[in-house]
Amino acid sequence: MEAISQFFPFILLFVVFYFFMLRPQMNRAKKEKKFAAELKKGNKVITKSGMHGKVAELNDKDNSCVIETLAGKIKFDRSAISMEMSQKLNSTSVK
């Protein structure tokens, strides 16, 4: 009984760490992966660096996409597209 009471603070710390740090991070990663998989040709997107454009091509072999901007076409990795900013852009342009 004494051994359990010694490890209880560590167990409690791990549980709090899991529910406030690890679990939300895993959920966010899952949502971003789903967003990148659901990209379609013609979607308006914003990259994490702030580049605005429209998806022109998708390449599943190297997990990249070509984004058409006013300056031309640029190839990006799908992970470089910001989920939050792209969704915000698409939700405001629909209204």
PDB file of N, CA and C in Angstrom:
ATOM      1  N   MET A   1       0.825  -1.192   0.000  1.00  0.00           N
ATOM      2  CA  MET A   1       0.000   0.000   0.000  1.00  0.00           C
ATOM      3  C   MET A   1       0.864   1.249   0.000  1.00  0.00           C
ATOM      4  N   GLU A   2       1.988   1.148   0.690  1.00  0.00           N
ATOM      5  CA  GLU A   2       2.888   2.291   0.775  1.00  0.00           C
ATOM      6  C   GLU A   2       3.540   2.584  -0.579  1.00  0.00           C
ATOM      7  N   ALA A   3       3.804   1.527  -1.344  1.00  0.00           N
ATOM      8  CA  ALA A   3       4.436   1.701  -2.652  1.00  0.00           C
ATOM      9  C   ALA A   3       3.511   2.445  -3.609  1.00  0.00           C
ATOM     10  N   ILE A   4       2.238   2.142  -3.548  1.00  0.00           N
ATOM     11  CA  ILE A   4       1.276   2.818  -4.423  1.00  0.00           C
ATOM     12  C   ILE A   4       1.182   4.294  -4.067  1.00  0.00           C
ATOM     13  N   SER A   5       1.182   4.596  -2.797  1.00  0.00           N
ATOM     14  CA  SER A   5       1.077   5.996  -2.381  1.00  0.00           C
ATOM     15  C   SER A   5       2.329   6.788  -2.755  1.00  0.00           C
ATOM     16  N   GLN A   6       3.470   6.126  -2.902  1.00  0.00           N
ATOM     17  CA  GLN A   6       4.684   6.822  -3.337  1.00  0.00           C
ATOM     18  C   GLN A   6       4.632   7.152  -4.826  1.00  0.00           C
ATOM     19  N   PHE A   7       4.057   6.265  -5.633  1.00  0.00           N
ATOM     20  CA  PHE A   7       4.008   6.467  -7.077  1.00  0.00           C
ATOM     21  C   PHE A   7       2.753   7.198  -7.542  1.00  0.00           C
ATOM     22  N   PHE A   8       1.816   7.416  -6.665  1.00  0.00           N
ATOM     23  CA  PHE A   8       0.564   8.079  -7.044  1.00  0.00           C
ATOM     24  C   PHE A   8       0.792   9.467  -7.650  1.00  0.00           C
ATOM     25  N   PRO A   9       1.643  10.324  -7.085  1.00  0.00           N
ATOM     26  CA  PRO A   9       1.860  11.631  -7.726  1.00  0.00           C
ATOM     27  C   PRO A   9       2.421  11.522  -9.145  1.00  0.00           C
ATOM     28  N   PHE A  10       3.300  10.542  -9.389  1.00  0.00           N
ATOM     29  CA  PHE A  10       3.852  10.367 -10.728  1.00  0.00           C
ATOM     30  C   PHE A  10       2.781   9.868 -11.703  1.00  0.00           C
ATOM     31  N   ILE A  11       1.946   8.968 -11.251  1.00  0.00           N
ATOM     32  CA  ILE A  11       0.860   8.456 -12.083  1.00  0.00           C
ATOM     33  C   ILE A  11      -0.118   9.583 -12.408  1.00  0.00           C
ATOM     34  N   LEU A  12      -0.455  10.362 -11.417  1.00  0.00           N
ATOM     35  CA  LEU A  12      -1.358  11.498 -11.612  1.00  0.00           C
ATOM     36  C   LEU A  12      -0.752  12.514 -12.580  1.00  0.00           C
ATOM     37  N   LEU A  13       0.528  12.773 -12.443  1.00  0.00           N
ATOM     38  CA  LEU A  13       1.222  13.704 -13.339  1.00  0.00           C
ATOM     39  C   LEU A  13       1.188  13.196 -14.780  1.00  0.00           C
ATOM     40  N   PHE A  14       1.410  11.901 -14.967  1.00  0.00           N
ATOM     41  CA  PHE A  14       1.368  11.324 -16.303  1.00  0.00           C
ATOM     42  C   PHE A  14      -0.034  11.426 -16.901  1.00  0.00           C
ATOM     43  N   VAL A  15      -1.059  11.146 -16.120  1.00  0.00           N
ATOM     44  CA  VAL A  15      -2.441  11.216 -16.616  1.00  0.00           C
ATOM     45  C   VAL A  15      -2.783  12.645 -17.032  1.00  0.00           C
ATOM     46  N   VAL A  16      -2.410  13.606 -16.222  1.00  0.00           N
ATOM     47  CA  VAL A  16      -2.664  15.018 -16.564  1.00  0.00           C
ATOM     48  C   VAL A  16      -1.892  15.399 -17.816  1.00  0.00           C
ATOM     49  N   PHE A  17      -0.637  15.000 -17.895  1.00  0.00           N
ATOM     50  CA  PHE A  17       0.187  15.283 -19.069  1.00  0.00           C
ATOM     51  C   PHE A  17      -0.433  14.680 -20.328  1.00  0.00           C
ATOM     52  N   TYR A  18      -0.922  13.452 -20.220  1.00  0.00           N
ATOM     53  CA  TYR A  18      -1.523  12.789 -21.370  1.00  0.00           C
ATOM     54  C   TYR A  18      -2.766  13.531 -21.857  1.00  0.00           C
ATOM     55  N   PHE A  19      -3.674  13.866 -20.948  1.00  0.00           N
ATOM     56  CA  PHE A  19      -4.940  14.473 -21.358  1.00  0.00           C
ATOM     57  C   PHE A  19      -4.816  15.939 -21.749  1.00  0.00           C
ATOM     58  N   PHE A  20      -3.806  16.645 -21.254  1.00  0.00           N
ATOM     59  CA  PHE A  20      -3.680  18.059 -21.599  1.00  0.00           C
ATOM     60  C   PHE A  20      -2.614  18.336 -22.644  1.00  0.00           C
ATOM     61  N   MET A  21      -1.715  17.380 -22.913  1.00  0.00           N
ATOM     62  CA  MET A  21      -0.649  17.625 -23.880  1.00  0.00           C
ATOM     63  C   MET A  21      -0.647  16.616 -25.035  1.00  0.00           C
ATOM     64  N   LEU A  22      -0.566  15.356 -24.730  1.00  0.00           N
ATOM     65  CA  LEU A  22      -0.396  14.345 -25.779  1.00  0.00           C
ATOM     66  C   LEU A  22      -1.660  14.101 -26.592  1.00  0.00           C
ATOM     67  N   ARG A  23      -2.778  13.923 -25.943  1.00  0.00           N
ATOM     68  CA  ARG A  23      -4.020  13.597 -26.652  1.00  0.00           C
ATOM     69  C   ARG A  23      -4.463  14.710 -27.611  1.00  0.00           C
ATOM     70  N   PRO A  24      -4.467  15.978 -27.187  1.00  0.00           N
ATOM     71  CA  PRO A  24      -4.833  17.030 -28.153  1.00  0.00           C
ATOM     72  C   PRO A  24      -3.864  17.109 -29.334  1.00  0.00           C
ATOM     73  N   GLN A  25      -2.585  16.862 -29.070  1.00  0.00           N
ATOM     74  CA  GLN A  25      -1.593  16.880 -30.145  1.00  0.00           C
ATOM     75  C   GLN A  25      -1.861  15.768 -31.152  1.00  0.00           C
ATOM     76  N   MET A  26      -2.220  14.585 -30.674  1.00  0.00           N
ATOM     77  CA  MET A  26      -2.523  13.461 -31.572  1.00  0.00           C
ATOM     78  C   MET A  26      -3.792  13.739 -32.375  1.00  0.00           C
ATOM     79  N   ASN A  27      -4.809  14.329 -31.738  1.00  0.00           N
ATOM     80  CA  ASN A  27      -6.045  14.662 -32.454  1.00  0.00           C
ATOM     81  C   ASN A  27      -5.783  15.696 -33.545  1.00  0.00           C
ATOM     82  N   ARG A  28      -4.969  16.686 -33.242  1.00  0.00           N
ATOM     83  CA  ARG A  28      -4.636  17.728 -34.215  1.00  0.00           C
ATOM     84  C   ARG A  28      -3.878  17.127 -35.401  1.00  0.00           C
ATOM     85  N   ALA A  29      -2.927  16.244 -35.123  1.00  0.00           N
ATOM     86  CA  ALA A  29      -2.164  15.599 -36.193  1.00  0.00           C
ATOM     87  C   ALA A  29      -3.078  14.757 -37.078  1.00  0.00           C
ATOM     88  N   LYS A  30      -4.044  14.081 -36.468  1.00  0.00           N
ATOM     89  CA  LYS A  30      -4.996  13.265 -37.229  1.00  0.00           C
ATOM     90  C   LYS A  30      -5.856  14.148 -38.140  1.00  0.00           C
ATOM     91  N   LYS A  31      -6.308  15.296 -37.630  1.00  0.00           N
ATOM     92  CA  LYS A  31      -7.122  16.213 -38.435  1.00  0.00           C
ATOM     93  C   LYS A  31      -6.309  16.790 -39.599  1.00  0.00           C
ATOM     94  N   GLU A  32      -5.038  17.154 -39.344  1.00  0.00           N
ATOM     95  CA  GLU A  32      -4.204  17.701 -40.408  1.00  0.00           C
ATOM     96  C   GLU A  32      -3.927  16.661 -41.491  1.00  0.00           C
ATOM     97  N   LYS A  33      -3.727  15.418 -41.083  1.00  0.00           N
ATOM     98  CA  LYS A  33      -3.493  14.343 -42.052  1.00  0.00           C
ATOM     99  C   LYS A  33      -4.740  14.122 -42.909  1.00  0.00           C
ATOM    100  N   LYS A  34      -5.919  14.158 -42.283  1.00  0.00           N
ATOM    101  CA  LYS A  34      -7.176  13.999 -43.007  1.00  0.00           C
ATOM    102  C   LYS A  34      -7.380  15.161 -43.979  1.00  0.00           C
ATOM    103  N   PHE A  35      -7.066  16.390 -43.535  1.00  0.00           N
ATOM    104  CA  PHE A  35      -7.203  17.577 -44.380  1.00  0.00           C
ATOM    105  C   PHE A  35      -6.304  17.463 -45.616  1.00  0.00           C
ATOM    106  N   ALA A  36      -5.054  17.039 -45.408  1.00  0.00           N
ATOM    107  CA  ALA A  36      -4.118  16.907 -46.523  1.00  0.00           C
ATOM    108  C   ALA A  36      -4.577  15.817 -47.491  1.00  0.00           C
ATOM    109  N   ALA A  37      -5.170  14.754 -46.972  1.00  0.00           N
ATOM    110  CA  ALA A  37      -5.645  13.669 -47.834  1.00  0.00           C
ATOM    111  C   ALA A  37      -6.883  14.076 -48.630  1.00  0.00           C
ATOM    112  N   GLU A  38      -7.675  14.981 -48.099  1.00  0.00           N
ATOM    113  CA  GLU A  38      -8.916  15.397 -48.755  1.00  0.00           C
ATOM    114  C   GLU A  38      -8.746  16.589 -49.691  1.00  0.00           C
ATOM    115  N   LEU A  39      -7.524  17.067 -49.878  1.00  0.00           N
ATOM    116  CA  LEU A  39      -7.302  18.180 -50.802  1.00  0.00           C
ATOM    117  C   LEU A  39      -7.725  17.775 -52.205  1.00  0.00           C
ATOM    118  N   LYS A  40      -8.355  18.715 -52.902  1.00  0.00           N
ATOM    119  CA  LYS A  40      -8.802  18.452 -54.261  1.00  0.00           C
ATOM    120  C   LYS A  40      -8.297  19.559 -55.176  1.00  0.00           C
ATOM    121  N   LYS A  41      -8.259  19.247 -56.430  1.00  0.00           N
ATOM    122  CA  LYS A  41      -7.884  20.224 -57.439  1.00  0.00           C
ATOM    123  C   LYS A  41      -8.894  21.365 -57.415  1.00  0.00           C
ATOM    124  N   GLY A  42      -8.410  22.592 -57.366  1.00  0.00           N
ATOM    125  CA  GLY A  42      -9.293  23.753 -57.355  1.00  0.00           C
ATOM    126  C   GLY A  42      -9.529  24.344 -55.979  1.00  0.00           C
ATOM    127  N   ASN A  43      -9.118  23.647 -54.914  1.00  0.00           N
ATOM    128  CA  ASN A  43      -9.277  24.196 -53.552  1.00  0.00           C
ATOM    129  C   ASN A  43      -8.388  25.419 -53.369  1.00  0.00           C
ATOM    130  N   LYS A  44      -8.924  26.444 -52.721  1.00  0.00           N
ATOM    131  CA  LYS A  44      -8.113  27.602 -52.355  1.00  0.00           C
ATOM    132  C   LYS A  44      -7.410  27.274 -51.047  1.00  0.00           C
ATOM    133  N   VAL A  45      -6.104  27.521 -51.003  1.00  0.00           N
ATOM    134  CA  VAL A  45      -5.315  27.177 -49.826  1.00  0.00           C
ATOM    135  C   VAL A  45      -4.358  28.305 -49.474  1.00  0.00           C
ATOM    136  N   ILE A  46      -3.871  28.243 -48.240  1.00  0.00           N
ATOM    137  CA  ILE A  46      -2.817  29.135 -47.761  1.00  0.00           C
ATOM    138  C   ILE A  46      -1.742  28.248 -47.149  1.00  0.00           C
ATOM    139  N   THR A  47      -0.500  28.473 -47.528  1.00  0.00           N
ATOM    140  CA  THR A  47       0.580  27.686 -46.949  1.00  0.00           C
ATOM    141  C   THR A  47       0.938  28.248 -45.580  1.00  0.00           C
ATOM    142  N   LYS A  48       1.714  27.489 -44.816  1.00  0.00           N
ATOM    143  CA  LYS A  48       2.125  27.942 -43.488  1.00  0.00           C
ATOM    144  C   LYS A  48       3.032  29.154 -43.557  1.00  0.00           C
ATOM    145  N   SER A  49       3.662  29.380 -44.707  1.00  0.00           N
ATOM    146  CA  SER A  49       4.503  30.564 -44.879  1.00  0.00           C
ATOM    147  C   SER A  49       3.703  31.776 -45.350  1.00  0.00           C
ATOM    148  N   GLY A  50       2.408  31.586 -45.649  1.00  0.00           N
ATOM    149  CA  GLY A  50       1.543  32.702 -46.010  1.00  0.00           C
ATOM    150  C   GLY A  50       1.254  32.849 -47.493  1.00  0.00           C
ATOM    151  N   MET A  51       1.657  31.898 -48.304  1.00  0.00           N
ATOM    152  CA  MET A  51       1.423  31.957 -49.744  1.00  0.00           C
ATOM    153  C   MET A  51      -0.023  31.548 -50.046  1.00  0.00           C
ATOM    154  N   HIS A  52      -0.742  32.404 -50.776  1.00  0.00           N
ATOM    155  CA  HIS A  52      -2.126  32.128 -51.155  1.00  0.00           C
ATOM    156  C   HIS A  52      -2.154  31.568 -52.566  1.00  0.00           C
ATOM    157  N   GLY A  53      -3.064  30.627 -52.823  1.00  0.00           N
ATOM    158  CA  GLY A  53      -3.189  30.100 -54.160  1.00  0.00           C
ATOM    159  C   GLY A  53      -4.284  29.061 -54.273  1.00  0.00           C
ATOM    160  N   LYS A  54      -4.335  28.424 -55.427  1.00  0.00           N
ATOM    161  CA  LYS A  54      -5.329  27.396 -55.708  1.00  0.00           C
ATOM    162  C   LYS A  54      -4.588  26.128 -56.125  1.00  0.00           C
ATOM    163  N   VAL A  55      -5.065  24.979 -55.652  1.00  0.00           N
ATOM    164  CA  VAL A  55      -4.423  23.713 -55.973  1.00  0.00           C
ATOM    165  C   VAL A  55      -4.626  23.426 -57.453  1.00  0.00           C
ATOM    166  N   ALA A  56      -3.499  23.250 -58.179  1.00  0.00           N
ATOM    167  CA  ALA A  56      -3.551  22.968 -59.609  1.00  0.00           C
ATOM    168  C   ALA A  56      -3.347  21.488 -59.891  1.00  0.00           C
ATOM    169  N   GLU A  57      -2.434  20.842 -59.149  1.00  0.00           N
ATOM    170  CA  GLU A  57      -2.150  19.416 -59.349  1.00  0.00           C
ATOM    171  C   GLU A  57      -1.874  18.764 -58.000  1.00  0.00           C
ATOM    172  N   LEU A  58      -2.186  17.491 -57.899  1.00  0.00           N
ATOM    173  CA  LEU A  58      -1.868  16.704 -56.706  1.00  0.00           C
ATOM    174  C   LEU A  58      -1.045  15.499 -57.132  1.00  0.00           C
ATOM    175  N   ASN A  59       0.034  15.226 -56.395  1.00  0.00           N
ATOM    176  CA  ASN A  59       0.895  14.092 -56.698  1.00  0.00           C
ATOM    177  C   ASN A  59       0.948  13.193 -55.473  1.00  0.00           C
ATOM    178  N   ASP A  60       0.405  11.991 -55.593  1.00  0.00           N
ATOM    179  CA  ASP A  60       0.370  11.064 -54.468  1.00  0.00           C
ATOM    180  C   ASP A  60       1.692  10.333 -54.266  1.00  0.00           C
ATOM    181  N   LYS A  61       2.529  10.270 -55.286  1.00  0.00           N
ATOM    182  CA  LYS A  61       3.799   9.550 -55.162  1.00  0.00           C
ATOM    183  C   LYS A  61       4.719  10.204 -54.128  1.00  0.00           C
ATOM    184  N   ASP A  62       4.914  11.514 -54.249  1.00  0.00           N
ATOM    185  CA  ASP A  62       5.794  12.201 -53.306  1.00  0.00           C
ATOM    186  C   ASP A  62       5.030  13.108 -52.340  1.00  0.00           C
ATOM    187  N   ASN A  63       3.700  12.934 -52.280  1.00  0.00           N
ATOM    188  CA  ASN A  63       2.847  13.657 -51.339  1.00  0.00           C
ATOM    189  C   ASN A  63       3.000  15.177 -51.488  1.00  0.00           C
ATOM    190  N   SER A  64       2.976  15.632 -52.725  1.00  0.00           N
ATOM    191  CA  SER A  64       3.135  17.052 -52.983  1.00  0.00           C
ATOM    192  C   SER A  64       1.944  17.574 -53.781  1.00  0.00           C
ATOM    193  N   CYS A  65       1.899  18.881 -53.927  1.00  0.00           N
ATOM    194  CA  CYS A  65       0.872  19.501 -54.750  1.00  0.00           C
ATOM    195  C   CYS A  65       1.461  20.744 -55.404  1.00  0.00           C
ATOM    196  N   VAL A  66       0.894  21.093 -56.533  1.00  0.00           N
ATOM    197  CA  VAL A  66       1.305  22.296 -57.243  1.00  0.00           C
ATOM    198  C   VAL A  66       0.231  23.338 -56.993  1.00  0.00           C
ATOM    199  N   ILE A  67       0.667  24.504 -56.494  1.00  0.00           N
ATOM    200  CA  ILE A  67      -0.261  25.586 -56.184  1.00  0.00           C
ATOM    201  C   ILE A  67      -0.065  26.699 -57.209  1.00  0.00           C
ATOM    202  N   GLU A  68      -1.182  27.120 -57.779  1.00  0.00           N
ATOM    203  CA  GLU A  68      -1.153  28.192 -58.762  1.00  0.00           C
ATOM    204  C   GLU A  68      -1.382  29.519 -58.041  1.00  0.00           C
ATOM    205  N   THR A  69      -0.429  30.418 -58.170  1.00  0.00           N
ATOM    206  CA  THR A  69      -0.529  31.744 -57.563  1.00  0.00           C
ATOM    207  C   THR A  69      -0.512  32.787 -58.674  1.00  0.00           C
ATOM    208  N   LEU A  70      -0.574  34.045 -58.297  1.00  0.00           N
ATOM    209  CA  LEU A  70      -0.491  35.104 -59.299  1.00  0.00           C
ATOM    210  C   LEU A  70       0.895  35.158 -59.925  1.00  0.00           C
ATOM    211  N   ALA A  71       1.906  34.675 -59.214  1.00  0.00           N
ATOM    212  CA  ALA A  71       3.279  34.682 -59.715  1.00  0.00           C
ATOM    213  C   ALA A  71       3.578  33.476 -60.599  1.00  0.00           C
ATOM    214  N   GLY A  72       2.753  32.458 -60.571  1.00  0.00           N
ATOM    215  CA  GLY A  72       2.983  31.249 -61.351  1.00  0.00           C
ATOM    216  C   GLY A  72       2.633  30.015 -60.541  1.00  0.00           C
ATOM    217  N   LYS A  73       3.159  28.884 -60.966  1.00  0.00           N
ATOM    218  CA  LYS A  73       2.890  27.626 -60.271  1.00  0.00           C
ATOM    219  C   LYS A  73       4.105  27.254 -59.423  1.00  0.00           C
ATOM    220  N   ILE A  74       3.832  26.820 -58.191  1.00  0.00           N
ATOM    221  CA  ILE A  74       4.887  26.445 -57.254  1.00  0.00           C
ATOM    222  C   ILE A  74       4.527  25.099 -56.653  1.00  0.00           C
ATOM    223  N   LYS A  75       5.530  24.225 -56.533  1.00  0.00           N
ATOM    224  CA  LYS A  75       5.318  22.894 -55.967  1.00  0.00           C
ATOM    225  C   LYS A  75       5.610  22.936 -54.460  1.00  0.00           C
ATOM    226  N   PHE A  76       4.662  22.428 -53.672  1.00  0.00           N
ATOM    227  CA  PHE A  76       4.787  22.384 -52.222  1.00  0.00           C
ATOM    228  C   PHE A  76       4.517  20.975 -51.729  1.00  0.00           C
ATOM    229  N   ASP A  77       5.048  20.657 -50.583  1.00  0.00           N
ATOM    230  CA  ASP A  77       4.683  19.433 -49.888  1.00  0.00           C
ATOM    231  C   ASP A  77       3.309  19.677 -49.268  1.00  0.00           C
ATOM    232  N   ARG A  78       2.475  18.662 -49.210  1.00  0.00           N
ATOM    233  CA  ARG A  78       1.122  18.850 -48.656  1.00  0.00           C
ATOM    234  C   ARG A  78       1.146  19.269 -47.193  1.00  0.00           C
ATOM    235  N   SER A  79       2.186  18.889 -46.472  1.00  0.00           N
ATOM    236  CA  SER A  79       2.273  19.276 -45.062  1.00  0.00           C
ATOM    237  C   SER A  79       2.552  20.760 -44.892  1.00  0.00           C
ATOM    238  N   ALA A  80       2.917  21.458 -45.964  1.00  0.00           N
ATOM    239  CA  ALA A  80       3.188  22.889 -45.886  1.00  0.00           C
ATOM    240  C   ALA A  80       1.905  23.719 -45.965  1.00  0.00           C
ATOM    241  N   ILE A  81       0.780  23.080 -46.195  1.00  0.00           N
ATOM    242  CA  ILE A  81      -0.491  23.808 -46.295  1.00  0.00           C
ATOM    243  C   ILE A  81      -1.112  23.924 -44.913  1.00  0.00           C
ATOM    244  N   SER A  82      -1.491  25.120 -44.554  1.00  0.00           N
ATOM    245  CA  SER A  82      -2.073  25.374 -43.239  1.00  0.00           C
ATOM    246  C   SER A  82      -3.555  25.025 -43.238  1.00  0.00           C
ATOM    247  N   MET A  83      -3.920  24.107 -42.366  1.00  0.00           N
ATOM    248  CA  MET A  83      -5.304  23.656 -42.282  1.00  0.00           C
ATOM    249  C   MET A  83      -6.204  24.780 -41.767  1.00  0.00           C
ATOM    250  N   GLU A  84      -5.810  25.428 -40.681  1.00  0.00           N
ATOM    251  CA  GLU A  84      -6.659  26.450 -40.063  1.00  0.00           C
ATOM    252  C   GLU A  84      -6.875  27.636 -40.994  1.00  0.00           C
ATOM    253  N   MET A  85      -5.796  28.136 -41.586  1.00  0.00           N
ATOM    254  CA  MET A  85      -5.903  29.322 -42.431  1.00  0.00           C
ATOM    255  C   MET A  85      -6.668  29.019 -43.715  1.00  0.00           C
ATOM    256  N   SER A  86      -6.477  27.828 -44.271  1.00  0.00           N
ATOM    257  CA  SER A  86      -7.192  27.451 -45.496  1.00  0.00           C
ATOM    258  C   SER A  86      -8.678  27.285 -45.226  1.00  0.00           C
ATOM    259  N   GLN A  87      -9.026  26.676 -44.105  1.00  0.00           N
ATOM    260  CA  GLN A  87     -10.441  26.521 -43.771  1.00  0.00           C
ATOM    261  C   GLN A  87     -11.087  27.876 -43.501  1.00  0.00           C
ATOM    262  N   LYS A  88     -10.360  28.764 -42.848  1.00  0.00           N
ATOM    263  CA  LYS A  88     -10.887  30.104 -42.588  1.00  0.00           C
ATOM    264  C   LYS A  88     -11.092  30.863 -43.896  1.00  0.00           C
ATOM    265  N   LEU A  89     -10.151  30.716 -44.833  1.00  0.00           N
ATOM    266  CA  LEU A  89     -10.257  31.361 -46.144  1.00  0.00           C
ATOM    267  C   LEU A  89     -11.483  30.848 -46.891  1.00  0.00           C
ATOM    268  N   ASN A  90     -11.689  29.546 -46.891  1.00  0.00           N
ATOM    269  CA  ASN A  90     -12.811  28.954 -47.615  1.00  0.00           C
ATOM    270  C   ASN A  90     -14.147  29.260 -46.952  1.00  0.00           C
ATOM    271  N   SER A  91     -14.178  29.384 -45.640  1.00  0.00           N
ATOM    272  CA  SER A  91     -15.446  29.673 -44.969  1.00  0.00           C
ATOM    273  C   SER A  91     -15.860  31.128 -45.164  1.00  0.00           C
ATOM    274  N   THR A  92     -14.915  32.061 -45.303  1.00  0.00           N
ATOM    275  CA  THR A  92     -15.268  33.462 -45.504  1.00  0.00           C
ATOM    276  C   THR A  92     -15.606  33.743 -46.956  1.00  0.00           C
ATOM    277  N   SER A  93     -15.032  32.983 -47.909  1.00  0.00           N
ATOM    278  CA  SER A  93     -15.321  33.234 -49.314  1.00  0.00           C
ATOM    279  C   SER A  93     -16.678  32.662 -49.735  1.00  0.00           C
ATOM    280  N   VAL A  94     -17.237  31.740 -48.949  1.00  0.00           N
ATOM    281  CA  VAL A  94     -18.531  31.138 -49.269  1.00  0.00           C
ATOM    282  C   VAL A  94     -19.648  32.111 -48.936  1.00  0.00           C
ATOM    283  N   LYS A  95     -19.493  32.864 -47.882  1.00  0.00           N
ATOM    284  CA  LYS A  95     -20.567  33.783 -47.431  1.00  0.00           C
ATOM    285  C   LYS A  95     -20.831  34.896 -48.360  1.00  0.00           C
TER     286      LYS A  95
END
